N, C-alpha and C. Protein backbone atom coordinates (compact mmCIF):
# COMPACT_ATOMS: atom_id res chain seq x y z
N MET A 1 300.25 113.27 -39.39
CA MET A 1 298.95 113.85 -39.69
C MET A 1 298.82 115.18 -38.96
N ALA A 2 298.38 116.19 -39.64
CA ALA A 2 298.26 117.53 -39.07
C ALA A 2 297.09 117.58 -38.08
N ASN A 3 297.28 118.37 -37.01
CA ASN A 3 296.19 118.53 -36.06
C ASN A 3 295.13 119.47 -36.64
N VAL A 4 294.03 119.60 -35.92
CA VAL A 4 292.90 120.39 -36.42
C VAL A 4 293.31 121.85 -36.66
N GLY A 5 294.12 122.41 -35.76
CA GLY A 5 294.57 123.79 -35.92
C GLY A 5 295.40 123.99 -37.18
N LYS A 6 296.29 123.05 -37.44
CA LYS A 6 297.13 123.14 -38.65
C LYS A 6 296.28 122.98 -39.91
N LYS A 7 295.29 122.09 -39.85
CA LYS A 7 294.40 121.91 -41.01
C LYS A 7 293.62 123.20 -41.28
N PHE A 8 293.16 123.86 -40.22
CA PHE A 8 292.47 125.13 -40.38
C PHE A 8 293.39 126.17 -41.01
N GLU A 9 294.62 126.29 -40.48
CA GLU A 9 295.58 127.24 -41.04
C GLU A 9 295.84 126.97 -42.52
N GLN A 10 296.01 125.70 -42.87
CA GLN A 10 296.28 125.34 -44.27
C GLN A 10 295.09 125.70 -45.16
N SER A 11 293.91 125.36 -44.71
CA SER A 11 292.70 125.65 -45.48
C SER A 11 292.52 127.16 -45.64
N PHE A 12 292.74 127.89 -44.55
CA PHE A 12 292.59 129.34 -44.58
C PHE A 12 293.62 129.97 -45.51
N THR A 13 294.86 129.52 -45.40
CA THR A 13 295.95 130.05 -46.21
C THR A 13 295.73 129.76 -47.70
N LYS A 14 295.20 128.59 -48.02
CA LYS A 14 294.90 128.27 -49.41
C LYS A 14 293.86 129.21 -50.00
N SER A 15 293.06 129.82 -49.15
CA SER A 15 292.01 130.74 -49.60
C SER A 15 292.54 132.15 -49.87
N VAL A 16 293.76 132.43 -49.43
CA VAL A 16 294.33 133.76 -49.60
C VAL A 16 294.64 133.99 -51.07
N PRO A 17 294.19 135.11 -51.64
CA PRO A 17 294.48 135.40 -53.05
C PRO A 17 295.99 135.47 -53.31
N SER A 18 296.37 135.14 -54.52
CA SER A 18 297.80 135.08 -54.86
C SER A 18 298.49 136.44 -54.80
N HIS A 19 297.75 137.53 -54.87
CA HIS A 19 298.38 138.85 -54.81
C HIS A 19 298.72 139.27 -53.38
N VAL A 20 298.34 138.49 -52.39
CA VAL A 20 298.64 138.81 -50.99
C VAL A 20 299.88 138.04 -50.56
N ALA A 21 300.85 138.75 -50.02
CA ALA A 21 302.05 138.09 -49.50
C ALA A 21 301.74 137.52 -48.13
N VAL A 22 302.11 136.26 -47.92
CA VAL A 22 301.82 135.57 -46.66
C VAL A 22 303.14 135.08 -46.07
N ILE A 23 303.38 135.46 -44.83
CA ILE A 23 304.54 134.96 -44.09
C ILE A 23 304.03 134.21 -42.87
N ARG A 24 304.36 132.93 -42.79
CA ARG A 24 303.99 132.11 -41.63
C ARG A 24 305.15 132.15 -40.65
N MET A 25 304.87 132.59 -39.44
CA MET A 25 305.90 132.64 -38.41
C MET A 25 306.24 131.20 -38.02
N PRO A 26 307.51 130.87 -37.78
CA PRO A 26 307.88 129.49 -37.44
C PRO A 26 307.27 129.09 -36.09
N ASP A 27 306.88 127.81 -36.01
CA ASP A 27 306.33 127.30 -34.76
C ASP A 27 307.42 127.11 -33.73
N ALA A 28 307.01 127.20 -32.48
CA ALA A 28 307.94 126.98 -31.36
C ALA A 28 308.32 125.51 -31.29
N ALA A 29 309.49 125.23 -30.71
CA ALA A 29 309.98 123.84 -30.60
C ALA A 29 308.99 122.95 -29.86
N GLN A 30 308.34 123.46 -28.85
CA GLN A 30 307.43 122.61 -28.06
C GLN A 30 306.25 122.12 -28.90
N SER A 31 305.96 122.77 -29.99
CA SER A 31 304.88 122.31 -30.86
C SER A 31 305.24 120.98 -31.51
N PHE A 32 306.53 120.73 -31.68
CA PHE A 32 306.97 119.52 -32.36
C PHE A 32 307.31 118.40 -31.39
N PHE A 33 307.73 118.75 -30.19
CA PHE A 33 308.13 117.75 -29.22
C PHE A 33 307.21 117.81 -28.01
N GLN A 34 306.51 116.74 -27.76
CA GLN A 34 305.62 116.68 -26.61
C GLN A 34 306.43 116.32 -25.38
N THR A 35 307.07 117.33 -24.81
CA THR A 35 307.91 117.11 -23.64
C THR A 35 307.86 118.32 -22.74
N SER A 36 308.08 118.12 -21.48
CA SER A 36 308.13 119.23 -20.53
C SER A 36 309.58 119.55 -20.15
N HIS A 37 310.54 118.95 -20.87
CA HIS A 37 311.94 119.13 -20.53
C HIS A 37 312.60 120.31 -21.24
N LEU A 38 311.85 121.01 -22.06
CA LEU A 38 312.41 122.18 -22.73
C LEU A 38 312.59 123.31 -21.72
N ARG A 39 313.76 123.92 -21.71
CA ARG A 39 314.03 125.00 -20.77
C ARG A 39 313.55 126.34 -21.31
N PHE A 40 313.50 126.50 -22.61
CA PHE A 40 313.03 127.73 -23.21
C PHE A 40 312.55 127.42 -24.62
N SER A 41 311.77 128.28 -25.14
CA SER A 41 311.36 128.14 -26.54
C SER A 41 310.90 129.50 -27.04
N LEU A 42 310.94 129.65 -28.35
CA LEU A 42 310.45 130.85 -29.01
C LEU A 42 308.94 130.90 -28.85
N ARG A 43 308.41 132.04 -28.49
CA ARG A 43 306.96 132.20 -28.39
C ARG A 43 306.55 133.26 -29.39
N ASN A 44 305.95 132.81 -30.47
CA ASN A 44 305.55 133.73 -31.53
C ASN A 44 304.42 134.63 -31.06
N PRO A 45 304.48 135.90 -31.42
CA PRO A 45 303.42 136.82 -31.03
C PRO A 45 302.15 136.64 -31.87
N TYR A 46 302.24 135.96 -33.01
CA TYR A 46 301.08 135.70 -33.88
C TYR A 46 301.52 134.69 -34.93
N ASP A 47 300.55 134.18 -35.67
CA ASP A 47 300.83 133.13 -36.66
C ASP A 47 301.31 133.66 -38.00
N PHE A 48 300.68 134.74 -38.47
CA PHE A 48 300.92 135.20 -39.84
C PHE A 48 301.11 136.70 -39.94
N LEU A 49 301.90 137.09 -40.93
CA LEU A 49 301.95 138.46 -41.43
C LEU A 49 301.48 138.39 -42.88
N TRP A 50 300.56 139.27 -43.22
CA TRP A 50 300.09 139.38 -44.60
C TRP A 50 300.32 140.80 -45.07
N TRP A 51 300.62 140.95 -46.36
CA TRP A 51 300.66 142.26 -46.98
C TRP A 51 299.74 142.23 -48.17
N SER A 52 298.77 143.15 -48.19
CA SER A 52 297.84 143.24 -49.31
C SER A 52 298.14 144.52 -50.07
N PRO A 53 298.74 144.41 -51.25
CA PRO A 53 299.03 145.61 -52.04
C PRO A 53 297.76 146.28 -52.58
N THR A 54 296.68 145.55 -52.73
CA THR A 54 295.45 146.16 -53.24
C THR A 54 294.79 147.04 -52.20
N THR A 55 294.95 146.71 -50.92
CA THR A 55 294.36 147.54 -49.86
C THR A 55 295.42 148.33 -49.11
N LEU A 56 296.69 148.16 -49.51
CA LEU A 56 297.83 148.82 -48.85
C LEU A 56 297.78 148.62 -47.34
N THR A 57 297.56 147.37 -46.94
CA THR A 57 297.40 147.05 -45.53
C THR A 57 298.29 145.88 -45.14
N LEU A 58 298.92 146.03 -43.98
CA LEU A 58 299.71 144.97 -43.37
C LEU A 58 298.88 144.35 -42.25
N TYR A 59 298.85 143.02 -42.21
CA TYR A 59 298.07 142.28 -41.23
C TYR A 59 298.98 141.43 -40.35
N ALA A 60 298.70 141.42 -39.05
CA ALA A 60 299.29 140.46 -38.11
C ALA A 60 298.11 139.67 -37.57
N LEU A 61 298.12 138.37 -37.79
CA LEU A 61 296.95 137.56 -37.48
C LEU A 61 297.31 136.33 -36.65
N GLU A 62 296.48 136.03 -35.69
CA GLU A 62 296.56 134.79 -34.92
C GLU A 62 295.31 134.00 -35.27
N LEU A 63 295.49 132.77 -35.77
CA LEU A 63 294.37 131.93 -36.16
C LEU A 63 294.10 130.89 -35.08
N LYS A 64 292.83 130.74 -34.73
CA LYS A 64 292.40 129.76 -33.73
C LYS A 64 291.18 129.02 -34.26
N THR A 65 291.07 127.76 -33.92
CA THR A 65 289.87 126.99 -34.23
C THR A 65 289.44 126.27 -32.97
N VAL A 66 288.14 126.28 -32.72
CA VAL A 66 287.59 125.61 -31.53
C VAL A 66 286.45 124.71 -31.94
N LYS A 67 286.35 123.58 -31.29
CA LYS A 67 285.31 122.60 -31.61
C LYS A 67 283.93 123.13 -31.23
N GLY A 68 283.81 123.72 -30.07
CA GLY A 68 282.51 124.15 -29.57
C GLY A 68 282.17 125.58 -29.91
N LYS A 69 281.42 126.18 -29.00
CA LYS A 69 280.94 127.55 -29.20
C LYS A 69 281.72 128.58 -28.40
N SER A 70 282.72 128.13 -27.63
CA SER A 70 283.47 129.08 -26.80
C SER A 70 284.96 128.84 -26.92
N ILE A 71 285.73 129.86 -26.49
CA ILE A 71 287.19 129.80 -26.53
C ILE A 71 287.73 130.48 -25.28
N SER A 72 288.76 129.88 -24.70
CA SER A 72 289.35 130.42 -23.46
C SER A 72 290.54 131.32 -23.78
N PHE A 73 290.85 132.20 -22.82
CA PHE A 73 291.99 133.11 -23.00
C PHE A 73 292.67 133.38 -21.67
N GLU A 74 293.95 133.68 -21.75
CA GLU A 74 294.75 134.00 -20.57
C GLU A 74 294.68 135.50 -20.30
N ARG A 75 294.41 135.85 -19.05
CA ARG A 75 294.36 137.26 -18.67
C ARG A 75 295.72 137.79 -18.23
N THR A 76 296.61 136.90 -17.79
CA THR A 76 297.94 137.31 -17.33
C THR A 76 299.00 136.39 -17.91
N LYS A 77 300.26 136.82 -17.83
CA LYS A 77 301.34 136.00 -18.36
C LYS A 77 301.59 134.76 -17.51
N ASP A 78 301.06 134.73 -16.29
CA ASP A 78 301.25 133.57 -15.41
C ASP A 78 300.24 132.46 -15.66
N GLU A 79 299.17 132.77 -16.36
CA GLU A 79 298.17 131.74 -16.67
C GLU A 79 298.70 130.84 -17.79
N LYS A 80 298.25 129.61 -17.77
CA LYS A 80 298.67 128.64 -18.80
C LYS A 80 297.48 127.82 -19.25
N LYS A 81 297.67 127.16 -20.36
CA LYS A 81 296.74 126.16 -20.87
C LYS A 81 295.42 126.70 -21.42
N LYS A 82 295.37 127.98 -21.74
CA LYS A 82 294.18 128.53 -22.40
C LYS A 82 294.44 128.52 -23.90
N GLU A 83 293.39 128.70 -24.68
CA GLU A 83 293.54 128.62 -26.14
C GLU A 83 294.14 129.90 -26.74
N ILE A 84 293.78 131.04 -26.20
CA ILE A 84 294.39 132.30 -26.64
C ILE A 84 295.37 132.71 -25.55
N HIS A 85 296.63 132.81 -25.91
CA HIS A 85 297.68 133.07 -24.92
C HIS A 85 297.91 134.57 -24.71
N TYR A 86 298.27 134.90 -23.50
CA TYR A 86 298.54 136.29 -23.11
C TYR A 86 299.61 136.90 -24.03
N HIS A 87 300.68 136.16 -24.28
CA HIS A 87 301.77 136.72 -25.11
C HIS A 87 301.30 136.98 -26.55
N GLN A 88 300.32 136.24 -27.02
CA GLN A 88 299.81 136.48 -28.37
C GLN A 88 299.04 137.79 -28.43
N ILE A 89 298.22 138.03 -27.43
CA ILE A 89 297.46 139.29 -27.38
C ILE A 89 298.43 140.47 -27.25
N GLN A 90 299.43 140.33 -26.39
CA GLN A 90 300.41 141.40 -26.22
C GLN A 90 301.20 141.63 -27.51
N GLY A 91 301.57 140.55 -28.20
CA GLY A 91 302.30 140.67 -29.47
C GLY A 91 301.48 141.39 -30.53
N LEU A 92 300.21 141.02 -30.65
CA LEU A 92 299.33 141.70 -31.61
C LEU A 92 299.14 143.16 -31.24
N LYS A 93 298.95 143.44 -29.96
CA LYS A 93 298.76 144.82 -29.49
C LYS A 93 300.01 145.66 -29.76
N ASN A 94 301.17 145.13 -29.46
CA ASN A 94 302.43 145.85 -29.69
C ASN A 94 302.62 146.17 -31.17
N PHE A 95 302.31 145.23 -32.04
CA PHE A 95 302.45 145.45 -33.48
C PHE A 95 301.46 146.52 -33.95
N LYS A 96 300.24 146.45 -33.46
CA LYS A 96 299.23 147.43 -33.86
C LYS A 96 299.59 148.83 -33.39
N ASP A 97 300.19 148.92 -32.21
CA ASP A 97 300.56 150.23 -31.67
C ASP A 97 301.59 150.95 -32.52
N ILE A 98 302.34 150.21 -33.33
CA ILE A 98 303.29 150.83 -34.25
C ILE A 98 302.54 151.66 -35.28
N GLY A 99 301.36 151.17 -35.65
CA GLY A 99 300.50 151.90 -36.59
C GLY A 99 300.55 151.33 -37.98
N GLY A 100 299.51 151.63 -38.74
CA GLY A 100 299.45 151.24 -40.14
C GLY A 100 299.19 149.77 -40.39
N SER A 101 298.60 149.07 -39.41
CA SER A 101 298.35 147.65 -39.60
C SER A 101 297.02 147.23 -38.99
N VAL A 102 296.53 146.10 -39.44
CA VAL A 102 295.35 145.46 -38.88
C VAL A 102 295.85 144.24 -38.12
N CYS A 103 295.52 144.16 -36.84
CA CYS A 103 296.02 143.08 -35.99
C CYS A 103 294.88 142.47 -35.20
N GLY A 104 294.79 141.16 -35.23
CA GLY A 104 293.72 140.54 -34.47
C GLY A 104 293.68 139.04 -34.60
N LEU A 105 292.56 138.51 -34.13
CA LEU A 105 292.33 137.08 -34.06
C LEU A 105 291.32 136.65 -35.12
N ILE A 106 291.62 135.57 -35.78
CA ILE A 106 290.64 134.92 -36.65
C ILE A 106 290.27 133.63 -35.94
N ILE A 107 289.00 133.52 -35.58
CA ILE A 107 288.54 132.37 -34.79
C ILE A 107 287.48 131.61 -35.57
N GLU A 108 287.73 130.33 -35.74
CA GLU A 108 286.76 129.45 -36.37
C GLU A 108 286.02 128.70 -35.26
N PHE A 109 284.69 128.90 -35.20
CA PHE A 109 283.83 128.14 -34.30
C PHE A 109 283.28 126.98 -35.13
N ARG A 110 283.94 125.83 -35.05
CA ARG A 110 283.61 124.72 -35.94
C ARG A 110 282.17 124.24 -35.78
N GLU A 111 281.68 124.16 -34.56
CA GLU A 111 280.32 123.69 -34.33
C GLU A 111 279.29 124.61 -34.98
N LEU A 112 279.59 125.89 -35.02
CA LEU A 112 278.69 126.87 -35.62
C LEU A 112 278.95 127.09 -37.10
N GLU A 113 280.06 126.51 -37.60
CA GLU A 113 280.49 126.71 -38.98
C GLU A 113 280.56 128.20 -39.30
N THR A 114 281.19 128.93 -38.37
CA THR A 114 281.33 130.38 -38.48
C THR A 114 282.76 130.77 -38.14
N THR A 115 283.32 131.66 -38.95
CA THR A 115 284.67 132.17 -38.72
C THR A 115 284.59 133.69 -38.63
N VAL A 116 285.24 134.25 -37.59
CA VAL A 116 285.17 135.69 -37.36
C VAL A 116 286.56 136.27 -37.18
N PHE A 117 286.66 137.57 -37.45
CA PHE A 117 287.85 138.34 -37.15
C PHE A 117 287.50 139.31 -36.03
N ILE A 118 288.37 139.37 -35.00
CA ILE A 118 288.21 140.33 -33.91
C ILE A 118 289.51 141.12 -33.81
N ASP A 119 289.41 142.43 -33.96
CA ASP A 119 290.57 143.30 -33.82
C ASP A 119 291.11 143.17 -32.40
N VAL A 120 292.43 143.21 -32.25
CA VAL A 120 293.04 143.02 -30.94
C VAL A 120 292.57 144.07 -29.93
N ASP A 121 292.37 145.32 -30.35
CA ASP A 121 291.89 146.34 -29.43
C ASP A 121 290.47 146.03 -28.94
N ASP A 122 289.63 145.53 -29.83
CA ASP A 122 288.27 145.16 -29.45
C ASP A 122 288.28 143.94 -28.52
N PHE A 123 289.19 143.01 -28.78
CA PHE A 123 289.33 141.85 -27.90
C PHE A 123 289.72 142.29 -26.49
N ILE A 124 290.69 143.18 -26.40
CA ILE A 124 291.15 143.67 -25.08
C ILE A 124 290.02 144.38 -24.36
N GLU A 125 289.24 145.19 -25.07
CA GLU A 125 288.10 145.87 -24.44
C GLU A 125 287.09 144.85 -23.92
N MET A 126 286.86 143.77 -24.68
CA MET A 126 285.93 142.74 -24.24
C MET A 126 286.41 142.08 -22.95
N THR A 127 287.71 141.84 -22.84
CA THR A 127 288.22 141.19 -21.63
C THR A 127 288.03 142.06 -20.39
N LYS A 128 287.92 143.37 -20.59
CA LYS A 128 287.71 144.28 -19.46
C LYS A 128 286.28 144.19 -18.92
N VAL A 129 285.32 143.89 -19.77
CA VAL A 129 283.91 143.84 -19.34
C VAL A 129 283.40 142.41 -19.16
N ASN A 130 284.14 141.45 -19.66
CA ASN A 130 283.77 140.04 -19.53
C ASN A 130 284.45 139.47 -18.29
N PRO A 131 283.69 139.06 -17.27
CA PRO A 131 284.32 138.55 -16.05
C PRO A 131 284.88 137.14 -16.21
N LYS A 132 284.53 136.43 -17.28
CA LYS A 132 284.98 135.05 -17.47
C LYS A 132 286.37 135.01 -18.11
N LYS A 133 286.94 133.80 -18.13
CA LYS A 133 288.23 133.58 -18.79
C LYS A 133 288.01 132.89 -20.13
N SER A 134 286.81 133.05 -20.65
CA SER A 134 286.47 132.52 -21.96
C SER A 134 285.32 133.36 -22.49
N PHE A 135 285.03 133.17 -23.75
CA PHE A 135 283.84 133.81 -24.31
C PHE A 135 283.27 132.89 -25.38
N ASN A 136 281.98 133.02 -25.59
CA ASN A 136 281.35 132.24 -26.65
C ASN A 136 280.88 133.20 -27.74
N PHE A 137 280.40 132.63 -28.80
CA PHE A 137 280.00 133.44 -29.94
C PHE A 137 278.92 134.45 -29.55
N LYS A 138 277.96 134.04 -28.72
CA LYS A 138 276.90 134.95 -28.28
C LYS A 138 277.44 136.10 -27.45
N ASP A 139 278.54 135.86 -26.72
CA ASP A 139 279.15 136.94 -25.92
C ASP A 139 279.62 138.09 -26.80
N LEU A 140 279.97 137.82 -28.03
CA LEU A 140 280.39 138.89 -28.92
C LEU A 140 279.27 139.92 -29.06
N GLU A 141 278.04 139.44 -29.13
CA GLU A 141 276.88 140.34 -29.20
C GLU A 141 276.60 140.95 -27.82
N THR A 142 276.63 140.12 -26.79
CA THR A 142 276.33 140.58 -25.43
C THR A 142 277.25 141.72 -25.01
N PHE A 143 278.54 141.57 -25.27
CA PHE A 143 279.52 142.58 -24.88
C PHE A 143 279.75 143.61 -25.98
N GLU A 144 278.94 143.56 -27.03
CA GLU A 144 279.00 144.51 -28.14
C GLU A 144 280.39 144.62 -28.74
N VAL A 145 280.98 143.46 -28.98
CA VAL A 145 282.31 143.40 -29.58
C VAL A 145 282.17 143.49 -31.09
N PRO A 146 282.81 144.49 -31.70
CA PRO A 146 282.79 144.53 -33.17
C PRO A 146 283.56 143.33 -33.73
N TYR A 147 282.98 142.66 -34.67
CA TYR A 147 283.66 141.54 -35.31
C TYR A 147 283.21 141.47 -36.76
N ILE A 148 283.98 140.78 -37.55
CA ILE A 148 283.67 140.60 -38.97
C ILE A 148 283.53 139.10 -39.22
N VAL A 149 282.41 138.71 -39.77
CA VAL A 149 282.23 137.32 -40.19
C VAL A 149 282.95 137.16 -41.52
N ILE A 150 283.78 136.14 -41.61
CA ILE A 150 284.48 135.84 -42.86
C ILE A 150 283.67 134.77 -43.57
N PRO A 151 283.05 135.11 -44.70
CA PRO A 151 282.23 134.11 -45.39
C PRO A 151 283.05 132.87 -45.74
N GLN A 152 282.40 131.72 -45.60
CA GLN A 152 283.08 130.47 -45.91
C GLN A 152 282.13 129.53 -46.64
N LYS A 153 282.74 128.67 -47.45
CA LYS A 153 281.97 127.71 -48.23
C LYS A 153 282.53 126.33 -47.96
N LYS A 154 281.66 125.41 -47.62
CA LYS A 154 282.08 124.04 -47.33
C LYS A 154 282.44 123.32 -48.62
N LEU A 155 283.66 122.77 -48.65
CA LEU A 155 284.08 121.91 -49.76
C LEU A 155 283.84 120.47 -49.29
N LYS A 156 284.50 119.50 -49.85
CA LYS A 156 284.29 118.12 -49.42
C LYS A 156 284.67 117.91 -47.95
N THR A 157 285.87 118.33 -47.58
CA THR A 157 286.31 118.12 -46.19
C THR A 157 286.72 119.41 -45.50
N ASN A 158 287.06 120.42 -46.25
CA ASN A 158 287.53 121.69 -45.69
C ASN A 158 286.62 122.83 -46.13
N TYR A 159 287.05 124.03 -45.80
CA TYR A 159 286.31 125.22 -46.20
C TYR A 159 287.15 126.08 -47.12
N LYS A 160 286.49 126.86 -47.92
CA LYS A 160 287.11 127.93 -48.71
C LYS A 160 286.59 129.22 -48.11
N TYR A 161 287.49 130.13 -47.78
CA TYR A 161 287.14 131.37 -47.10
C TYR A 161 287.20 132.54 -48.08
N ASP A 162 286.28 133.45 -47.94
CA ASP A 162 286.23 134.62 -48.82
C ASP A 162 287.16 135.70 -48.25
N ILE A 163 288.42 135.58 -48.55
CA ILE A 163 289.44 136.49 -48.02
C ILE A 163 289.32 137.87 -48.64
N GLU A 164 288.90 137.96 -49.88
CA GLU A 164 288.75 139.28 -50.53
C GLU A 164 287.75 140.15 -49.75
N THR A 165 286.65 139.56 -49.32
CA THR A 165 285.67 140.31 -48.51
C THR A 165 286.30 140.76 -47.20
N PHE A 166 287.05 139.88 -46.57
CA PHE A 166 287.75 140.22 -45.33
C PHE A 166 288.71 141.39 -45.55
N LEU A 167 289.49 141.33 -46.63
CA LEU A 167 290.45 142.39 -46.92
C LEU A 167 289.75 143.74 -47.12
N GLU A 168 288.66 143.72 -47.85
CA GLU A 168 287.93 144.96 -48.10
C GLU A 168 287.34 145.55 -46.81
N LYS A 169 286.82 144.70 -45.95
CA LYS A 169 286.20 145.17 -44.71
C LYS A 169 287.22 145.68 -43.70
N THR A 170 288.47 145.27 -43.84
CA THR A 170 289.49 145.67 -42.88
C THR A 170 290.52 146.63 -43.45
N ARG A 171 290.35 147.07 -44.67
CA ARG A 171 291.35 147.93 -45.31
C ARG A 171 291.51 149.23 -44.51
N LEU A 172 292.73 149.71 -44.47
CA LEU A 172 293.04 150.95 -43.76
C LEU A 172 292.98 152.17 -44.67
N HIS A 173 293.15 151.96 -45.97
CA HIS A 173 293.25 153.10 -46.90
C HIS A 173 292.07 153.18 -47.82
């Protein structure tokens, strides 16, 4: 049975229009084996690469879902056990620095039934002014973080996301 994060990814990916190319980065070995005996593993910088020919935009996206109203993040590579990992932020930032792409986090706040996109540069700026190691949905307003709400519609058990609106709001060209 898929965990909540995988169910969110599947539901979100099913909402992507057929004209958008979607590449899912392979999961690290530790995701499959609940063990601390692994000496090394691949650490993906993000979950997905998308190419939208209609907006001529390449996307690098990390998808997260949280039960409550807040989500934790690692400020350094030495921190562990937070929901948004330091290497993911660095991976998104490095890809964006190449240019010509939209890179960021898509976060589903399940309790609020709200899903948002935060550009990686805006996320990094927020971490500079936010003294906590987490943020909640209200903090996005408090710290004046630009974000995009991705419209969603509740189906029987999952959501359908309005990806076309997201693509239009984030297009580079």
